[in-house]
């Protein structure tokens, strides 16, 4: 939220974390600067919130009498203490994020192993190459490029390491298998009778075939017995 003559807060009660405010640096201390933002209570801009690493001298960044644009970091209404930051807070805090959440962001960096997407959080989320699409992906550039806006699903959060793992393929809709048309055909009475007749003939043919097969076996056994009998008889008469 931008602060101007019509929207600038006039009391501590109107301040909310993340609000953008403008003010004048009143005094400098070793640990930070005090800024008058027009609410009747000076706000502290701590040395750690100056937007630069390893600041040793606050006056290297801001000076007394200088106008600055800052963001409300914290508000303690009981003690009227206000903490500011020169760094714009992320649109999504770690408390806002959860696994399974769908987010929208912009691809800001590409690596052989995946891509990084700015989703408005403290740091970009990473989409591993294996999560860019279903199936094999040879290179992330085959799917996205820097500047692309994508929808992704958060699949893992590591708050300790400040890591956000996301997936594009998790949002892909499963392929629909073509459905076989239902057979609504109803045979006529004549067709049913014909089928039963054909099945009866088939059954009789199978039965006859089985009978013929048994007769063949019986005949072969009889032939073997006859041969054996003749052979034994021939040997006995010698």
Protein backbone atom coordinates (compact mmCIF):
# COMPACT_ATOMS: atom_id res chain seq x y z
CA UNK A 1 0.00 0.00 0.00
CA UNK A 2 1.44 3.36 -0.98
CA UNK A 3 1.32 6.21 1.50
CA UNK A 4 0.35 9.67 0.18
CA UNK A 5 -1.55 12.71 1.46
CA UNK A 6 -4.89 10.87 1.32
CA UNK A 7 -3.93 7.37 2.41
CA UNK A 8 -1.02 7.95 4.79
CA UNK A 9 -1.74 6.48 8.25
CA UNK A 10 -2.22 9.02 11.02
CA UNK A 11 -2.18 6.70 14.05
CA UNK A 12 -0.53 3.52 15.24
CA UNK A 13 -3.93 1.82 15.10
CA UNK A 14 -3.99 2.23 11.32
CA UNK A 15 -0.69 0.44 10.77
CA UNK A 16 -0.56 -3.15 9.54
CA UNK A 17 2.44 -5.41 8.77
CA UNK A 18 3.50 -5.07 5.15
CA UNK A 19 2.10 -1.54 4.76
CA UNK A 20 4.21 0.86 2.76
CA UNK A 21 4.91 4.19 4.50
CA UNK A 22 6.97 7.30 3.91
CA UNK A 23 8.80 9.18 6.61
CA UNK A 24 11.73 11.35 7.62
CA UNK A 25 14.79 10.06 9.45
CA UNK A 26 14.85 11.89 12.81
CA UNK A 27 17.98 10.51 14.43
CA UNK A 28 20.70 7.92 13.94
CA UNK A 29 21.85 5.38 16.52
CA UNK A 30 24.45 2.60 16.35
CA UNK A 31 21.71 -0.03 16.07
CA UNK A 32 19.53 1.80 13.54
CA UNK A 33 17.56 4.91 12.71
CA UNK A 34 14.34 6.42 14.06
CA UNK A 35 11.86 7.55 11.44
CA UNK A 36 8.87 9.89 11.80
CA UNK A 37 6.07 8.35 9.70
CA UNK A 38 3.35 10.74 10.93
CA UNK A 39 1.59 8.58 13.51
CA UNK A 40 2.79 10.39 16.64
CA UNK A 41 5.41 7.75 17.44
CA UNK A 42 8.80 7.34 15.76
CA UNK A 43 9.43 3.95 14.17
CA UNK A 44 12.69 2.02 14.41
CA UNK A 45 14.56 1.08 11.27
CA UNK A 46 17.00 -1.52 12.62
CA UNK A 47 20.45 -1.86 11.10
CA UNK A 48 19.54 -5.40 10.00
CA UNK A 49 16.61 -4.02 7.95
CA UNK A 50 18.51 -1.52 5.83
CA UNK A 51 18.51 -3.80 2.80
CA UNK A 52 22.27 -4.24 2.66
CA UNK A 53 24.40 -6.98 4.22
CA UNK A 54 26.94 -6.33 6.96
CA UNK A 55 26.16 -2.66 7.50
CA UNK A 56 28.61 -1.23 10.07
CA UNK A 57 27.61 2.41 9.90
CA UNK A 58 23.90 3.27 9.62
CA UNK A 59 24.76 6.62 8.01
CA UNK A 60 26.28 4.75 5.07
CA UNK A 61 22.70 3.93 4.10
CA UNK A 62 20.43 6.63 5.56
CA UNK A 63 21.07 10.08 7.05
CA UNK A 64 19.17 12.34 9.44
CA UNK A 65 16.67 14.55 7.61
CA UNK A 66 16.43 12.17 4.67
CA UNK A 67 13.04 10.99 3.42
CA UNK A 68 12.67 7.24 3.03
CA UNK A 69 10.10 4.74 1.84
CA UNK A 70 9.83 1.79 4.21
CA UNK A 71 7.54 -1.09 5.11
CA UNK A 72 5.92 -1.86 8.45
CA UNK A 73 7.56 -5.01 9.83
CA UNK A 74 5.87 -5.28 13.22
CA UNK A 75 3.46 -3.22 15.34
CA UNK A 76 3.11 -3.51 19.11
CA UNK A 77 0.01 -1.49 19.94
CA UNK A 78 0.40 -1.92 23.70
CA UNK A 79 3.83 -0.30 23.78
CA UNK A 80 3.40 1.77 20.58
CA UNK A 81 6.56 0.26 19.16
CA UNK A 82 6.88 0.16 15.39
CA UNK A 83 9.53 -1.75 13.45
CA UNK A 84 10.30 -0.80 9.85
CA UNK A 85 12.26 -2.33 7.00
CA UNK A 86 13.61 -0.93 3.75
CA UNK A 87 13.07 -4.38 2.21
CA UNK A 88 9.62 -5.00 0.78
CA UNK A 89 8.13 -8.00 2.60
CA UNK A 90 7.14 -11.04 0.55
CA UNK A 91 3.53 -11.33 -0.56
CA UNK A 92 3.49 -14.87 0.86
CA UNK A 93 4.93 -15.58 4.30
CA UNK A 94 6.04 -19.03 5.41
CA UNK A 95 2.84 -19.26 7.44
CA UNK A 96 0.84 -18.75 4.24
CA UNK A 97 2.48 -21.68 2.45
CA UNK A 98 1.47 -25.33 2.77
CA UNK A 99 1.98 -28.57 0.85
CA UNK A 100 -0.65 -29.18 -1.81
CA UNK A 101 -1.17 -25.43 -2.33
CA UNK A 102 -1.43 -24.16 -5.92
CA UNK A 103 0.58 -21.00 -6.62
CA UNK A 104 1.27 -18.78 -9.63
CA UNK A 105 4.72 -17.43 -10.36
CA UNK A 106 7.29 -16.37 -12.92
CA UNK A 107 10.27 -18.44 -14.03
CA UNK A 108 13.33 -16.42 -12.97
CA UNK A 109 16.20 -18.86 -13.39
CA UNK A 110 16.96 -22.10 -15.20
CA UNK A 111 19.46 -24.80 -14.36
CA UNK A 112 20.11 -28.23 -15.91
CA UNK A 113 18.40 -29.87 -12.92
CA UNK A 114 15.31 -27.65 -12.93
CA UNK A 115 13.92 -24.12 -12.76
CA UNK A 116 13.32 -21.47 -10.08
CA UNK A 117 9.99 -19.66 -9.90
CA UNK A 118 9.22 -16.42 -8.07
CA UNK A 119 5.87 -16.95 -6.34
CA UNK A 120 6.05 -13.87 -4.12
CA UNK A 121 7.57 -15.73 -1.18
CA UNK A 122 10.78 -15.00 0.67
CA UNK A 123 12.69 -16.94 -1.98
CA UNK A 124 11.84 -18.64 -5.29
CA UNK A 125 10.43 -22.14 -5.35
CA UNK A 126 12.24 -24.87 -7.29
CA UNK A 127 10.71 -27.23 -9.84
CA UNK A 128 12.96 -30.24 -10.48
CA UNK A 129 13.26 -31.36 -14.09
CA UNK A 130 11.41 -34.57 -13.20
CA UNK A 131 8.42 -32.48 -12.03
CA UNK A 132 8.12 -30.30 -15.13
CA UNK A 133 5.99 -32.73 -17.10
CA UNK A 134 4.84 -36.32 -17.22
CA UNK A 135 7.33 -38.52 -19.02
CA UNK A 136 10.97 -37.85 -19.79
CA UNK A 137 12.17 -34.23 -20.06
CA UNK A 138 15.58 -33.83 -21.67
CA UNK A 139 16.05 -30.18 -20.73
CA UNK A 140 13.96 -27.69 -18.71
CA UNK A 141 14.05 -25.37 -21.74
CA UNK A 142 11.93 -27.93 -23.58
CA UNK A 143 9.05 -27.05 -21.24
CA UNK A 144 9.51 -23.46 -19.98
CA UNK A 145 11.72 -20.43 -20.39
CA UNK A 146 12.70 -17.46 -18.22
CA UNK A 147 9.80 -15.02 -17.97
CA UNK A 148 7.08 -17.65 -18.37
CA UNK A 149 4.20 -17.47 -15.90
CA UNK A 150 3.27 -20.89 -14.57
CA UNK A 151 0.86 -22.52 -12.16
CA UNK A 152 2.50 -25.04 -9.85
CA UNK A 153 1.68 -27.13 -6.81
CA UNK A 154 3.81 -27.07 -3.66
CA UNK A 155 4.83 -30.68 -3.01
CA UNK A 156 7.35 -30.16 -0.18
CA UNK A 157 8.26 -27.41 2.28
CA UNK A 158 11.43 -27.25 4.36
CA UNK A 159 11.10 -24.22 6.61
CA UNK A 160 14.43 -24.88 8.31
CA UNK A 161 16.32 -24.76 5.01
CA UNK A 162 13.90 -22.21 3.53
CA UNK A 163 13.24 -24.49 0.57
CA UNK A 164 10.07 -24.76 -1.52
CA UNK A 165 9.76 -27.73 -3.89
CA UNK A 166 7.04 -27.50 -6.51
CA UNK A 167 5.61 -29.46 -9.43
CA UNK A 168 3.97 -28.65 -12.76
CA UNK A 169 3.02 -32.21 -13.60
CA UNK A 170 1.06 -32.54 -10.35
CA UNK A 171 -1.52 -30.19 -11.90
CA UNK A 172 -1.79 -32.10 -15.16
CA UNK A 173 -5.18 -33.68 -15.68
CA UNK A 174 -5.06 -37.48 -16.03
CA UNK A 175 -5.54 -38.72 -19.55
CA UNK A 176 -9.07 -39.90 -20.21
CA UNK A 177 -9.26 -43.43 -21.57
CA UNK A 178 -11.69 -43.78 -24.50
CA UNK A 179 -14.83 -45.57 -23.39
CA UNK A 180 -16.20 -48.47 -25.36
CA UNK A 181 -19.69 -47.75 -26.66
CA UNK A 182 -22.31 -49.70 -24.77
CA UNK A 183 -23.94 -52.50 -26.71
CA UNK A 184 -27.64 -51.80 -26.46
CA UNK A 185 -28.56 -54.32 -29.18
CA UNK A 186 -31.31 -56.79 -28.17
CA UNK A 187 -31.56 -59.95 -30.30
CA UNK A 188 -34.97 -60.96 -31.66
CA UNK A 189 -36.77 -64.12 -30.57
CA UNK A 190 -35.91 -65.77 -33.90
CA UNK A 191 -32.21 -64.98 -33.46
CA UNK A 192 -32.25 -66.42 -29.92
CA UNK A 193 -33.88 -69.61 -31.20
CA UNK A 194 -31.29 -69.89 -33.96
CA UNK A 195 -28.46 -69.46 -31.45
CA UNK A 196 -29.88 -72.19 -29.21
CA UNK A 197 -30.24 -74.48 -32.20
CA UNK A 198 -26.65 -73.85 -33.25
CA UNK A 199 -25.43 -74.42 -29.70
CA UNK A 200 -27.42 -77.70 -29.57
CA UNK A 201 -25.86 -78.89 -32.81
CA UNK A 202 -22.43 -77.94 -31.57
CA UNK A 203 -23.03 -79.88 -28.37
CA UNK A 204 -24.19 -82.95 -30.28
CA UNK A 205 -21.16 -82.74 -32.56
CA UNK A 206 -18.84 -82.54 -29.58
CA UNK A 207 -20.60 -85.51 -27.96
CA UNK A 208 -20.30 -87.57 -31.18
CA UNK A 209 -16.68 -86.61 -31.47
CA UNK A 210 -16.04 -87.80 -27.91
CA UNK A 211 -17.84 -91.10 -28.66
CA UNK A 212 -15.78 -91.60 -31.81
CA UNK A 213 -12.62 -90.91 -29.88
CA UNK A 214 -13.52 -93.55 -27.24
CA UNK A 215 -14.33 -96.09 -29.99
CA UNK A 216 -10.95 -95.42 -31.69
CA UNK A 217 -9.14 -96.06 -28.45
CA UNK A 218 -11.11 -99.26 -27.89
CA UNK A 219 -10.31 -100.44 -31.43
CA UNK A 220 -6.60 -99.73 -30.98
CA UNK A 221 -6.52 -101.62 -27.71
CA UNK A 222 -8.26 -104.58 -29.38
CA UNK A 223 -5.73 -104.50 -32.24
CA UNK A 224 -2.84 -104.57 -29.79
CA UNK A 225 -4.40 -107.45 -27.89
CA UNK A 226 -4.89 -109.38 -31.14
CA UNK A 227 -1.30 -108.79 -32.20
CA UNK A 228 -0.02 -109.83 -28.78
CA UNK A 229 -2.25 -112.93 -28.79
CA UNK A 230 -1.06 -113.99 -32.23
CA UNK A 231 2.54 -113.39 -31.29
CA UNK A 232 2.29 -115.48 -28.13
CA UNK A 233 0.43 -118.22 -29.99
CA UNK A 234 3.09 -118.28 -32.72
CA UNK A 235 5.87 -118.70 -30.15
CA UNK A 236 4.01 -121.45 -28.28
CA UNK A 237 3.63 -123.61 -31.39
CA UNK A 238 7.30 -123.56 -32.25
